[in-house]
N, C-alpha and C. Protein backbone atom coordinates (compact mmCIF):
# COMPACT_ATOMS: atom_id res chain seq x y z
N MET A 1 -3.08 42.88 -21.76
CA MET A 1 -3.85 43.09 -20.63
C MET A 1 -4.94 42.04 -20.67
N ALA A 2 -5.48 41.78 -21.85
CA ALA A 2 -6.60 40.84 -21.97
C ALA A 2 -6.03 39.31 -21.50
N GLU A 3 -4.82 38.97 -21.79
CA GLU A 3 -4.35 37.75 -21.41
C GLU A 3 -4.25 37.73 -19.93
N THR A 4 -3.73 38.81 -19.29
CA THR A 4 -3.53 38.81 -17.90
C THR A 4 -4.92 38.74 -17.08
N ARG A 5 -5.88 39.36 -17.70
CA ARG A 5 -7.15 39.34 -16.99
C ARG A 5 -7.76 38.00 -17.17
N GLY A 6 -7.50 37.37 -18.34
CA GLY A 6 -8.11 36.00 -18.47
C GLY A 6 -7.52 34.97 -17.65
N THR A 7 -6.30 35.04 -17.14
CA THR A 7 -5.65 34.08 -16.16
C THR A 7 -5.96 34.46 -14.74
N SER A 8 -5.90 35.80 -14.36
CA SER A 8 -6.15 36.13 -13.10
C SER A 8 -7.47 35.77 -12.49
N GLY A 9 -8.58 35.88 -13.30
CA GLY A 9 -9.81 35.52 -12.76
C GLY A 9 -9.99 34.04 -12.29
N PRO A 10 -9.67 33.12 -13.17
CA PRO A 10 -9.75 31.63 -12.81
C PRO A 10 -8.88 31.31 -11.63
N ASP A 11 -7.66 31.98 -11.71
CA ASP A 11 -6.74 31.64 -10.66
C ASP A 11 -7.38 32.15 -9.26
N SER A 12 -7.97 33.33 -9.27
CA SER A 12 -8.57 33.87 -8.10
C SER A 12 -9.71 32.99 -7.58
N ALA A 13 -10.40 32.44 -8.51
CA ALA A 13 -11.59 31.66 -8.18
C ALA A 13 -11.09 30.40 -7.54
N ARG A 14 -10.00 29.83 -8.16
CA ARG A 14 -9.50 28.62 -7.62
C ARG A 14 -8.81 28.76 -6.20
N ARG A 15 -8.20 29.85 -5.97
CA ARG A 15 -7.71 30.25 -4.72
C ARG A 15 -8.80 30.41 -3.68
N SER A 16 -9.89 31.00 -4.11
CA SER A 16 -10.94 31.27 -3.09
C SER A 16 -11.57 29.87 -2.81
N GLU A 17 -11.76 29.06 -3.78
CA GLU A 17 -12.36 27.62 -3.61
C GLU A 17 -11.42 26.82 -2.58
N ARG A 18 -10.09 26.86 -2.82
CA ARG A 18 -9.31 26.03 -2.06
C ARG A 18 -9.30 26.80 -0.57
N SER A 19 -9.43 28.06 -0.34
CA SER A 19 -9.52 28.57 0.88
C SER A 19 -10.75 28.22 1.61
N ARG A 20 -11.84 28.25 0.96
CA ARG A 20 -13.21 27.89 1.39
C ARG A 20 -13.11 26.44 1.96
N ARG A 21 -12.53 25.49 1.04
CA ARG A 21 -12.52 24.15 1.40
C ARG A 21 -11.67 23.91 2.50
N ALA A 22 -10.55 24.59 2.79
CA ALA A 22 -9.70 24.54 3.92
C ALA A 22 -10.38 25.11 5.07
N ILE A 23 -11.14 26.14 5.02
CA ILE A 23 -12.02 26.55 6.06
C ILE A 23 -12.94 25.58 6.62
N TYR A 24 -13.66 24.99 5.67
CA TYR A 24 -14.67 23.87 5.97
C TYR A 24 -14.05 22.84 6.86
N ASP A 25 -12.89 22.31 6.25
CA ASP A 25 -12.23 21.23 6.93
C ASP A 25 -11.68 21.63 8.35
N ALA A 26 -11.11 22.87 8.43
CA ALA A 26 -10.48 23.28 9.72
C ALA A 26 -11.69 23.54 10.74
N ALA A 27 -12.91 23.97 10.33
CA ALA A 27 -13.99 24.08 11.24
C ALA A 27 -14.51 22.70 11.78
N LEU A 28 -14.63 21.76 10.84
CA LEU A 28 -15.15 20.56 11.28
C LEU A 28 -14.16 19.75 12.18
N THR A 29 -12.94 19.91 11.82
CA THR A 29 -11.74 19.28 12.52
C THR A 29 -11.70 19.76 14.00
N LEU A 30 -11.68 21.17 14.00
CA LEU A 30 -11.56 21.70 15.37
C LEU A 30 -12.67 21.38 16.33
N VAL A 31 -13.91 21.41 15.76
CA VAL A 31 -15.02 21.09 16.62
C VAL A 31 -14.99 19.73 17.07
N GLY A 32 -14.56 18.76 16.36
CA GLY A 32 -14.28 17.52 16.81
C GLY A 32 -13.05 17.23 17.71
N GLU A 33 -12.12 18.09 17.67
CA GLU A 33 -10.93 17.93 18.61
C GLU A 33 -11.12 18.71 19.81
N VAL A 34 -11.55 19.94 19.80
CA VAL A 34 -11.61 20.76 21.08
C VAL A 34 -13.06 21.07 21.48
N GLY A 35 -14.16 20.74 20.64
CA GLY A 35 -15.44 21.12 20.94
C GLY A 35 -15.86 22.47 20.46
N TYR A 36 -17.10 22.73 20.29
CA TYR A 36 -17.55 24.01 19.74
C TYR A 36 -17.15 25.24 20.63
N GLY A 37 -17.37 25.15 21.89
CA GLY A 37 -17.07 26.33 22.83
C GLY A 37 -15.66 26.74 22.64
N ARG A 38 -14.69 25.90 22.48
CA ARG A 38 -13.26 26.35 22.39
C ARG A 38 -12.74 26.62 20.93
N THR A 39 -13.63 26.37 19.99
CA THR A 39 -13.42 26.59 18.60
C THR A 39 -13.58 28.18 18.35
N THR A 40 -12.75 28.84 17.82
CA THR A 40 -12.76 30.21 17.53
C THR A 40 -12.43 30.49 15.92
N ILE A 41 -12.76 31.68 15.53
CA ILE A 41 -12.55 32.03 14.21
C ILE A 41 -11.01 32.16 13.97
N GLU A 42 -10.38 32.66 14.94
CA GLU A 42 -8.95 32.69 14.89
C GLU A 42 -8.30 31.35 14.76
N GLY A 43 -8.78 30.28 15.44
CA GLY A 43 -8.44 29.01 15.42
C GLY A 43 -8.70 28.32 14.02
N ILE A 44 -9.99 28.59 13.45
CA ILE A 44 -10.15 28.20 12.21
C ILE A 44 -9.32 28.72 11.12
N ALA A 45 -9.05 29.98 11.22
CA ALA A 45 -8.18 30.66 10.16
C ALA A 45 -6.79 30.14 10.30
N ALA A 46 -6.23 29.91 11.44
CA ALA A 46 -4.76 29.36 11.64
C ALA A 46 -4.86 28.07 11.03
N ARG A 47 -5.74 27.12 11.32
CA ARG A 47 -5.84 25.78 11.01
C ARG A 47 -5.94 25.76 9.54
N ALA A 48 -6.82 26.63 8.92
CA ALA A 48 -7.03 26.71 7.37
C ALA A 48 -5.84 27.37 6.64
N GLY A 49 -4.98 28.10 7.29
CA GLY A 49 -3.96 28.81 6.68
C GLY A 49 -4.34 30.08 5.93
N VAL A 50 -5.40 30.70 6.47
CA VAL A 50 -5.89 32.01 5.83
C VAL A 50 -6.06 33.00 6.96
N GLY A 51 -6.25 34.22 6.52
CA GLY A 51 -6.48 35.33 7.52
C GLY A 51 -7.77 35.28 7.97
N LYS A 52 -8.10 35.70 9.31
CA LYS A 52 -9.36 35.62 9.87
C LYS A 52 -10.37 36.62 9.09
N GLN A 53 -9.71 37.71 8.43
CA GLN A 53 -10.63 38.67 7.76
C GLN A 53 -11.32 37.90 6.45
N THR A 54 -10.61 36.87 5.97
CA THR A 54 -11.12 36.12 4.81
C THR A 54 -12.43 35.41 5.39
N ILE A 55 -12.45 34.84 6.56
CA ILE A 55 -13.56 34.15 7.19
C ILE A 55 -14.75 35.17 7.36
N TYR A 56 -14.41 36.29 8.04
CA TYR A 56 -15.31 37.24 8.21
C TYR A 56 -15.95 37.88 6.85
N ARG A 57 -15.23 37.88 5.82
CA ARG A 57 -15.76 38.38 4.62
C ARG A 57 -16.84 37.53 4.05
N TRP A 58 -16.82 36.21 4.36
CA TRP A 58 -17.84 35.27 3.86
C TRP A 58 -18.87 34.81 4.95
N TRP A 59 -18.60 34.90 6.18
CA TRP A 59 -19.42 34.40 7.21
C TRP A 59 -19.48 35.32 8.40
N PRO A 60 -20.64 35.60 8.99
CA PRO A 60 -20.73 36.47 10.27
C PRO A 60 -20.38 35.89 11.56
N SER A 61 -20.19 34.45 11.49
CA SER A 61 -19.91 33.89 12.85
C SER A 61 -19.33 32.46 12.64
N LYS A 62 -18.78 31.96 13.73
CA LYS A 62 -18.17 30.59 13.66
C LYS A 62 -19.38 29.57 13.45
N GLY A 63 -20.55 29.89 14.02
CA GLY A 63 -21.69 29.03 13.69
C GLY A 63 -22.13 29.03 12.23
N ALA A 64 -22.03 30.02 11.60
CA ALA A 64 -22.40 30.00 10.18
C ALA A 64 -21.29 29.33 9.42
N VAL A 65 -20.09 29.35 9.77
CA VAL A 65 -19.18 28.63 9.03
C VAL A 65 -19.30 27.14 9.27
N LEU A 66 -19.55 26.68 10.46
CA LEU A 66 -19.75 25.27 10.78
C LEU A 66 -21.06 24.71 10.08
N LEU A 67 -22.12 25.72 10.07
CA LEU A 67 -23.35 25.13 9.31
C LEU A 67 -23.10 24.85 7.95
N GLU A 68 -22.41 25.76 7.26
CA GLU A 68 -22.16 25.67 5.76
C GLU A 68 -21.18 24.41 5.62
N ALA A 69 -20.09 24.31 6.40
CA ALA A 69 -19.23 23.16 6.40
C ALA A 69 -19.94 21.89 6.55
N PHE A 70 -20.86 21.86 7.53
CA PHE A 70 -21.65 20.60 7.75
C PHE A 70 -22.47 20.19 6.56
N LEU A 71 -23.17 21.28 5.82
CA LEU A 71 -23.99 21.01 4.70
C LEU A 71 -23.17 20.46 3.61
N ASP A 72 -21.96 21.07 3.42
CA ASP A 72 -20.98 20.70 2.38
C ASP A 72 -20.55 19.10 2.65
N LEU A 73 -20.34 18.89 3.90
CA LEU A 73 -20.05 17.42 4.26
C LEU A 73 -21.04 16.47 3.82
N GLY A 74 -22.37 16.85 4.01
CA GLY A 74 -23.39 16.04 3.57
C GLY A 74 -23.59 15.84 2.15
N ASP A 75 -23.25 16.93 1.40
CA ASP A 75 -23.27 17.02 -0.13
C ASP A 75 -22.16 16.10 -0.62
N ARG A 76 -21.09 16.12 0.04
CA ARG A 76 -20.01 15.29 -0.56
C ARG A 76 -20.10 13.95 -0.31
N ALA A 77 -20.87 13.59 0.86
CA ALA A 77 -21.16 12.24 1.14
C ALA A 77 -22.17 11.64 0.12
N ALA A 78 -23.15 12.47 -0.18
CA ALA A 78 -24.18 12.17 -1.13
C ALA A 78 -23.58 11.84 -2.64
N ARG A 79 -22.73 12.81 -3.00
CA ARG A 79 -22.10 12.55 -4.21
C ARG A 79 -21.12 11.26 -4.30
N ALA A 80 -20.47 11.07 -3.12
CA ALA A 80 -19.71 9.80 -3.13
C ALA A 80 -20.57 8.61 -3.17
N ALA A 81 -21.79 8.69 -2.71
CA ALA A 81 -22.69 7.53 -2.74
C ALA A 81 -23.40 7.33 -4.06
N GLY A 82 -23.18 8.18 -4.96
CA GLY A 82 -23.80 7.96 -6.26
C GLY A 82 -24.29 9.33 -6.83
N GLY A 83 -24.40 10.40 -6.03
CA GLY A 83 -24.65 11.77 -6.52
C GLY A 83 -26.05 11.88 -6.99
N GLY A 84 -26.52 13.18 -7.20
CA GLY A 84 -27.91 13.41 -7.70
C GLY A 84 -28.79 13.44 -6.51
N GLU A 85 -29.94 13.98 -6.72
CA GLU A 85 -30.97 14.10 -5.75
C GLU A 85 -31.42 12.78 -5.25
N ALA A 86 -31.44 11.68 -6.10
CA ALA A 86 -31.90 10.40 -5.85
C ALA A 86 -31.10 9.85 -4.51
N ALA A 87 -29.85 10.30 -4.34
CA ALA A 87 -29.06 9.82 -3.13
C ALA A 87 -29.77 10.25 -1.82
N TYR A 88 -30.53 11.37 -1.89
CA TYR A 88 -31.25 11.80 -0.69
C TYR A 88 -32.59 11.09 -0.49
N GLU A 89 -33.17 10.46 -1.48
CA GLU A 89 -34.47 9.85 -1.32
C GLU A 89 -34.58 8.71 -0.49
N ILE A 90 -35.65 8.63 0.27
CA ILE A 90 -35.90 7.35 1.05
C ILE A 90 -36.37 6.18 -0.11
N PRO A 91 -35.78 5.13 -0.04
CA PRO A 91 -36.12 4.11 -1.05
C PRO A 91 -37.56 3.73 -1.03
N ASP A 92 -38.11 3.46 -2.17
CA ASP A 92 -39.61 2.95 -2.21
C ASP A 92 -39.55 1.64 -3.01
N THR A 93 -39.47 0.53 -2.16
CA THR A 93 -39.50 -0.74 -2.79
C THR A 93 -40.87 -1.31 -2.67
N GLY A 94 -41.84 -0.59 -2.21
CA GLY A 94 -43.11 -1.20 -1.96
C GLY A 94 -43.34 -1.56 -0.74
N ASP A 95 -42.26 -1.90 0.16
CA ASP A 95 -42.44 -2.42 1.49
C ASP A 95 -42.04 -1.26 2.48
N LEU A 96 -43.21 -0.65 2.94
CA LEU A 96 -42.88 0.68 3.78
C LEU A 96 -42.00 0.18 4.91
N GLU A 97 -42.19 -0.77 5.63
CA GLU A 97 -41.63 -1.08 6.91
C GLU A 97 -40.14 -1.31 6.66
N ALA A 98 -39.77 -2.16 5.53
CA ALA A 98 -38.36 -2.31 5.33
C ALA A 98 -37.78 -0.98 4.85
N ASP A 99 -38.33 -0.19 4.04
CA ASP A 99 -37.73 1.11 3.57
C ASP A 99 -37.45 2.05 4.65
N LEU A 100 -38.37 2.13 5.64
CA LEU A 100 -38.12 2.90 6.85
C LEU A 100 -37.15 2.47 7.74
N LYS A 101 -37.11 1.15 7.84
CA LYS A 101 -35.99 0.59 8.73
C LYS A 101 -34.61 0.83 8.04
N THR A 102 -34.56 0.80 6.82
CA THR A 102 -33.26 1.01 6.13
C THR A 102 -32.83 2.45 6.31
N VAL A 103 -33.71 3.42 6.24
CA VAL A 103 -33.31 4.75 6.30
C VAL A 103 -33.08 5.15 7.71
N LEU A 104 -33.75 4.51 8.71
CA LEU A 104 -33.55 5.04 10.14
C LEU A 104 -32.27 4.28 10.63
N ARG A 105 -32.05 3.10 10.06
CA ARG A 105 -30.68 2.45 10.46
C ARG A 105 -29.53 3.26 9.93
N ALA A 106 -29.68 3.82 8.70
CA ALA A 106 -28.65 4.75 8.13
C ALA A 106 -28.50 5.97 9.07
N THR A 107 -29.61 6.40 9.43
CA THR A 107 -29.65 7.69 10.39
C THR A 107 -28.86 7.45 11.70
N VAL A 108 -29.14 6.31 12.26
CA VAL A 108 -28.45 5.94 13.45
C VAL A 108 -26.94 5.79 13.21
N ASP A 109 -26.55 5.26 12.13
CA ASP A 109 -25.13 5.20 11.82
C ASP A 109 -24.38 6.54 11.76
N GLU A 110 -25.15 7.48 11.16
CA GLU A 110 -24.71 8.86 10.87
C GLU A 110 -24.68 9.54 12.34
N MET A 111 -25.74 9.48 13.16
CA MET A 111 -25.65 10.07 14.40
C MET A 111 -24.60 9.53 15.30
N ASN A 112 -24.19 8.32 15.13
CA ASN A 112 -23.16 7.70 16.04
C ASN A 112 -21.88 7.98 15.31
N ASP A 113 -21.63 8.41 14.12
CA ASP A 113 -20.37 8.82 13.47
C ASP A 113 -19.73 10.03 14.00
N PRO A 114 -18.60 10.00 14.71
CA PRO A 114 -17.99 11.18 15.30
C PRO A 114 -17.74 12.36 14.28
N VAL A 115 -17.56 11.95 13.05
CA VAL A 115 -17.45 13.04 11.97
C VAL A 115 -18.73 13.86 11.90
N TYR A 116 -19.89 13.22 11.98
CA TYR A 116 -21.15 14.03 11.95
C TYR A 116 -21.60 14.52 13.34
N GLU A 117 -21.31 13.55 14.34
CA GLU A 117 -22.02 13.89 15.62
C GLU A 117 -21.53 15.27 16.28
N ALA A 118 -20.20 15.42 16.31
CA ALA A 118 -19.73 16.82 17.02
C ALA A 118 -20.38 17.92 16.29
N PRO A 119 -20.29 18.22 15.00
CA PRO A 119 -20.90 19.41 14.44
C PRO A 119 -22.34 19.42 14.54
N SER A 120 -22.96 18.31 14.58
CA SER A 120 -24.40 18.19 14.70
C SER A 120 -24.89 18.68 16.06
N ARG A 121 -24.14 18.20 17.12
CA ARG A 121 -24.50 18.69 18.50
C ARG A 121 -24.14 20.17 18.57
N ALA A 122 -23.12 20.61 17.97
CA ALA A 122 -22.75 21.97 18.24
C ALA A 122 -23.83 22.92 17.55
N LEU A 123 -24.28 22.51 16.32
CA LEU A 123 -25.26 23.31 15.66
C LEU A 123 -26.65 23.28 16.27
N ALA A 124 -26.95 22.12 16.84
CA ALA A 124 -28.23 22.05 17.67
C ALA A 124 -28.20 22.95 18.79
N ALA A 125 -27.13 22.93 19.61
CA ALA A 125 -27.01 23.78 20.66
C ALA A 125 -27.03 25.28 20.32
N GLU A 126 -26.08 25.61 19.52
CA GLU A 126 -25.94 26.99 19.10
C GLU A 126 -27.22 27.61 18.47
N GLY A 127 -28.06 26.65 17.72
CA GLY A 127 -29.33 27.10 17.25
C GLY A 127 -30.32 27.60 18.30
N ILE A 128 -29.99 27.11 19.42
CA ILE A 128 -30.93 27.65 20.59
C ILE A 128 -30.60 29.05 20.92
N ALA A 129 -29.35 29.24 21.13
CA ALA A 129 -28.76 30.56 21.47
C ALA A 129 -28.90 31.59 20.48
N ASP A 130 -28.69 31.19 19.18
CA ASP A 130 -28.71 32.09 18.05
C ASP A 130 -29.84 31.80 17.22
N ALA A 131 -30.92 32.57 17.36
CA ALA A 131 -32.18 32.28 16.61
C ALA A 131 -32.10 32.22 15.21
N GLU A 132 -31.27 33.19 14.65
CA GLU A 132 -30.98 33.30 13.25
C GLU A 132 -30.45 32.10 12.72
N LEU A 133 -29.37 31.57 13.44
CA LEU A 133 -28.66 30.41 12.97
C LEU A 133 -29.57 29.10 13.16
N GLY A 134 -30.33 29.15 14.26
CA GLY A 134 -31.31 28.13 14.46
C GLY A 134 -32.32 28.00 13.34
N ALA A 135 -32.89 29.29 12.88
CA ALA A 135 -33.77 29.11 11.81
C ALA A 135 -33.12 28.64 10.47
N GLU A 136 -31.84 29.09 10.17
CA GLU A 136 -31.13 28.58 9.00
C GLU A 136 -30.94 27.08 9.10
N PHE A 137 -30.58 26.57 10.25
CA PHE A 137 -30.27 25.23 10.50
C PHE A 137 -31.49 24.39 10.19
N THR A 138 -32.63 24.92 10.67
CA THR A 138 -33.88 24.30 10.46
C THR A 138 -34.21 24.15 8.92
N ARG A 139 -34.04 25.38 8.21
CA ARG A 139 -34.50 25.56 6.91
C ARG A 139 -33.65 24.67 6.06
N LYS A 140 -32.46 24.73 6.18
CA LYS A 140 -31.38 24.13 5.33
C LYS A 140 -31.21 22.67 5.50
N LEU A 141 -31.25 22.26 6.80
CA LEU A 141 -30.92 20.79 7.15
C LEU A 141 -32.14 19.99 7.51
N LEU A 142 -32.91 20.60 8.45
CA LEU A 142 -34.01 19.75 9.11
C LEU A 142 -35.11 19.50 8.15
N GLU A 143 -35.54 20.73 7.73
CA GLU A 143 -36.82 20.74 6.96
C GLU A 143 -36.63 19.89 5.52
N PRO A 144 -35.53 19.91 4.88
CA PRO A 144 -35.28 19.08 3.70
C PRO A 144 -35.30 17.55 4.04
N SER A 145 -34.79 17.22 5.16
CA SER A 145 -34.81 15.74 5.64
C SER A 145 -36.15 15.39 5.92
N LEU A 146 -36.94 16.28 6.62
CA LEU A 146 -38.45 15.90 6.97
C LEU A 146 -39.18 15.76 5.65
N ARG A 147 -38.86 16.55 4.61
CA ARG A 147 -39.69 16.39 3.39
C ARG A 147 -39.59 15.17 2.75
N LEU A 148 -38.22 14.46 2.92
CA LEU A 148 -38.11 13.14 2.35
C LEU A 148 -39.11 12.20 3.03
N TYR A 149 -39.14 12.18 4.27
CA TYR A 149 -40.17 11.25 5.00
C TYR A 149 -41.59 11.54 4.64
N ALA A 150 -41.89 12.81 4.44
CA ALA A 150 -43.25 13.22 4.07
C ALA A 150 -43.53 12.63 2.74
N ARG A 151 -42.62 12.76 1.76
CA ARG A 151 -42.86 12.18 0.49
C ARG A 151 -43.07 10.66 0.38
N ARG A 152 -42.27 9.93 1.21
CA ARG A 152 -42.34 8.54 1.22
C ARG A 152 -43.66 8.15 1.87
N LEU A 153 -43.92 8.76 3.02
CA LEU A 153 -45.27 8.44 3.63
C LEU A 153 -46.49 8.89 2.79
N GLY A 154 -46.35 9.90 2.09
CA GLY A 154 -47.44 10.20 1.20
C GLY A 154 -47.59 9.21 -0.02
N ALA A 155 -46.52 8.76 -0.46
CA ALA A 155 -46.64 7.65 -1.56
C ALA A 155 -47.26 6.39 -0.99
N ALA A 156 -46.84 6.10 0.32
CA ALA A 156 -47.52 5.01 1.04
C ALA A 156 -48.99 5.10 1.23
N ARG A 157 -49.24 6.37 1.57
CA ARG A 157 -50.88 6.56 1.76
C ARG A 157 -51.47 6.39 0.44
N GLU A 158 -50.98 7.04 -0.75
CA GLU A 158 -51.61 6.83 -1.90
C GLU A 158 -51.65 5.27 -2.41
N ALA A 159 -50.62 4.53 -1.96
CA ALA A 159 -50.62 3.09 -2.31
C ALA A 159 -51.58 2.23 -1.29
N GLY A 160 -52.04 2.87 -0.36
CA GLY A 160 -53.05 2.21 0.58
C GLY A 160 -52.19 1.46 1.83
N ALA A 161 -50.89 1.90 1.85
CA ALA A 161 -50.09 1.09 2.83
C ALA A 161 -50.28 1.70 4.21
N VAL A 162 -50.91 2.99 4.35
CA VAL A 162 -51.17 3.58 5.54
C VAL A 162 -52.60 4.25 5.41
N ARG A 163 -53.17 4.60 6.54
CA ARG A 163 -54.50 5.19 6.52
C ARG A 163 -54.49 6.57 5.74
N ARG A 164 -55.54 6.78 4.88
CA ARG A 164 -55.62 8.03 4.09
C ARG A 164 -55.71 9.23 5.00
N GLU A 165 -56.36 9.12 6.15
CA GLU A 165 -56.64 10.32 7.10
C GLU A 165 -55.44 10.69 7.88
N ILE A 166 -54.23 9.94 7.90
CA ILE A 166 -53.14 10.27 8.78
C ILE A 166 -52.67 11.68 8.36
N ASP A 167 -52.14 12.39 9.46
CA ASP A 167 -51.44 13.63 9.39
C ASP A 167 -49.91 13.39 9.13
N LEU A 168 -49.56 13.66 7.96
CA LEU A 168 -48.17 13.25 7.58
C LEU A 168 -47.05 13.98 8.60
N ASP A 169 -47.35 15.06 9.07
CA ASP A 169 -46.46 15.78 9.93
C ASP A 169 -46.33 15.04 11.30
N VAL A 170 -47.45 14.64 11.86
CA VAL A 170 -47.38 13.75 12.95
C VAL A 170 -46.75 12.35 12.87
N ALA A 171 -47.06 11.87 11.61
CA ALA A 171 -46.56 10.47 11.36
C ALA A 171 -44.99 10.56 11.35
N LEU A 172 -44.44 11.47 10.65
CA LEU A 172 -42.98 11.65 10.47
C LEU A 172 -42.29 11.92 11.81
N GLU A 173 -42.98 12.72 12.66
CA GLU A 173 -42.36 13.03 13.99
C GLU A 173 -42.30 11.69 14.87
N LEU A 174 -43.33 10.79 14.65
CA LEU A 174 -43.08 9.60 15.41
C LEU A 174 -42.10 8.73 14.93
N LEU A 175 -41.43 8.90 13.81
CA LEU A 175 -40.31 8.14 13.24
C LEU A 175 -39.04 8.91 13.63
N VAL A 176 -38.96 10.14 13.36
CA VAL A 176 -37.61 10.84 13.64
C VAL A 176 -37.45 11.35 15.00
N GLY A 177 -38.62 11.76 15.86
CA GLY A 177 -38.51 12.22 17.05
C GLY A 177 -37.81 11.49 18.09
N PRO A 178 -38.15 10.09 18.22
CA PRO A 178 -37.52 9.25 19.30
C PRO A 178 -36.08 9.11 19.02
N LEU A 179 -35.49 9.07 17.82
CA LEU A 179 -34.06 9.02 17.53
C LEU A 179 -33.44 10.25 17.97
N ALA A 180 -33.97 11.43 17.63
CA ALA A 180 -33.31 12.70 18.15
C ALA A 180 -33.44 12.81 19.63
N HIS A 181 -34.46 12.37 20.21
CA HIS A 181 -34.56 12.35 21.75
C HIS A 181 -33.43 11.64 22.36
N ARG A 182 -33.37 10.30 21.95
CA ARG A 182 -32.33 9.41 22.52
C ARG A 182 -30.97 9.96 22.28
N TRP A 183 -30.70 10.52 21.04
CA TRP A 183 -29.37 11.12 20.64
C TRP A 183 -28.93 12.30 21.53
N LEU A 184 -30.00 13.17 21.72
CA LEU A 184 -29.78 14.35 22.58
C LEU A 184 -29.35 14.00 23.99
N LEU A 185 -30.15 13.04 24.62
CA LEU A 185 -29.98 12.86 25.98
C LEU A 185 -28.82 11.81 26.31
N ARG A 186 -28.52 10.94 25.32
CA ARG A 186 -27.42 10.04 25.46
C ARG A 186 -27.59 9.07 26.65
N THR A 187 -28.76 8.89 27.13
CA THR A 187 -29.00 7.98 28.18
C THR A 187 -29.00 6.49 27.84
N LEU A 188 -29.36 6.18 26.58
CA LEU A 188 -29.52 4.82 26.15
C LEU A 188 -28.87 4.74 24.71
N PRO A 189 -28.31 3.63 24.40
CA PRO A 189 -27.61 3.38 23.08
C PRO A 189 -28.55 3.62 21.90
N LEU A 190 -27.99 4.20 20.85
CA LEU A 190 -28.72 4.35 19.67
C LEU A 190 -28.25 3.24 18.67
N THR A 191 -29.14 2.21 18.37
CA THR A 191 -28.78 1.15 17.62
C THR A 191 -29.83 0.79 16.55
N HIS A 192 -29.38 -0.07 15.72
CA HIS A 192 -30.28 -0.56 14.66
C HIS A 192 -31.53 -1.22 15.22
N GLU A 193 -31.34 -1.86 16.28
CA GLU A 193 -32.41 -2.54 16.82
C GLU A 193 -33.47 -1.51 17.42
N TYR A 194 -32.98 -0.48 17.96
CA TYR A 194 -33.90 0.52 18.40
C TYR A 194 -34.56 1.26 17.13
N ALA A 195 -33.83 1.44 16.11
CA ALA A 195 -34.49 2.10 14.98
C ALA A 195 -35.53 1.25 14.44
N ASP A 196 -35.32 -0.11 14.42
CA ASP A 196 -36.33 -1.13 13.92
C ASP A 196 -37.54 -1.04 14.83
N ALA A 197 -37.40 -0.88 16.16
CA ALA A 197 -38.60 -0.92 16.98
C ALA A 197 -39.26 0.39 16.93
N VAL A 198 -38.61 1.49 16.66
CA VAL A 198 -39.35 2.81 16.41
C VAL A 198 -40.21 2.58 15.11
N VAL A 199 -39.74 2.01 14.15
CA VAL A 199 -40.58 1.91 12.95
C VAL A 199 -41.69 1.03 13.19
N GLU A 200 -41.54 -0.07 13.93
CA GLU A 200 -42.55 -1.07 14.27
C GLU A 200 -43.62 -0.42 15.13
N TYR A 201 -43.24 0.36 16.00
CA TYR A 201 -44.18 1.04 16.98
C TYR A 201 -45.06 2.16 16.17
N ALA A 202 -44.27 2.92 15.39
CA ALA A 202 -44.96 3.87 14.55
C ALA A 202 -45.99 3.29 13.65
N LEU A 203 -45.64 2.23 13.06
CA LEU A 203 -46.63 1.74 11.95
C LEU A 203 -47.74 0.81 12.54
N TYR A 204 -47.34 0.14 13.68
CA TYR A 204 -48.38 -0.78 14.29
C TYR A 204 -48.91 -0.44 15.57
N GLY A 205 -48.43 0.69 16.31
CA GLY A 205 -48.91 1.07 17.52
C GLY A 205 -48.56 0.11 18.56
N LEU A 206 -49.30 0.44 19.74
CA LEU A 206 -48.90 -0.39 21.00
C LEU A 206 -49.98 -1.50 21.34
N ALA A 207 -51.06 -1.38 20.59
CA ALA A 207 -52.22 -2.38 20.95
C ALA A 207 -51.85 -3.66 20.38
N PRO A 208 -52.31 -4.83 20.92
CA PRO A 208 -52.06 -6.18 20.39
C PRO A 208 -52.45 -6.27 19.00
N ARG A 209 -51.61 -6.97 18.18
CA ARG A 209 -52.06 -7.26 16.80
C ARG A 209 -53.06 -8.41 16.75
N PRO A 210 -53.97 -8.22 15.76
CA PRO A 210 -54.92 -9.33 15.63
C PRO A 210 -54.23 -10.67 15.16
């Protein structure tokens, strides 16, 4: 009996992990293929090769599945890029303008990547209709990203690269807000040149330079 228990536990854990990974992949793929509105728990289950009761045992809704799958996608990308928390940090080379342009250009690339764009738009839209999902989306995805900017701007303030009296929350909104606005409206292209302009306007304002 002891030998049987010793093998069934790990096997069960591996099966659960395989199922969870298949569900993540199915949710992301379906949202990209047919859109969030036409994605269903039944469709995710069929694509993943699991019963829908398995999904409902772990998540309360398709939005919750997609959020967790999207967070996992980001974690996998970070590990592939080198892993560890450092993969999430904004670089600090001592040149604030260059560092911000680097990270905003990378953000533009991610926003334009179909792998990220479809689930991002779905979660942003669903978060408005589902307050609980919206709060979780903000807490798990948006707030950690904003803290990275706050830390980098805080370091720049300590180094004298920006005024000491700036409000960090307002400053970071000047950087990330325009990209989110253009991405949501889709009225104009989201480019590296635009990201560079956002950084320059945020750092130096609109008044003529001396």
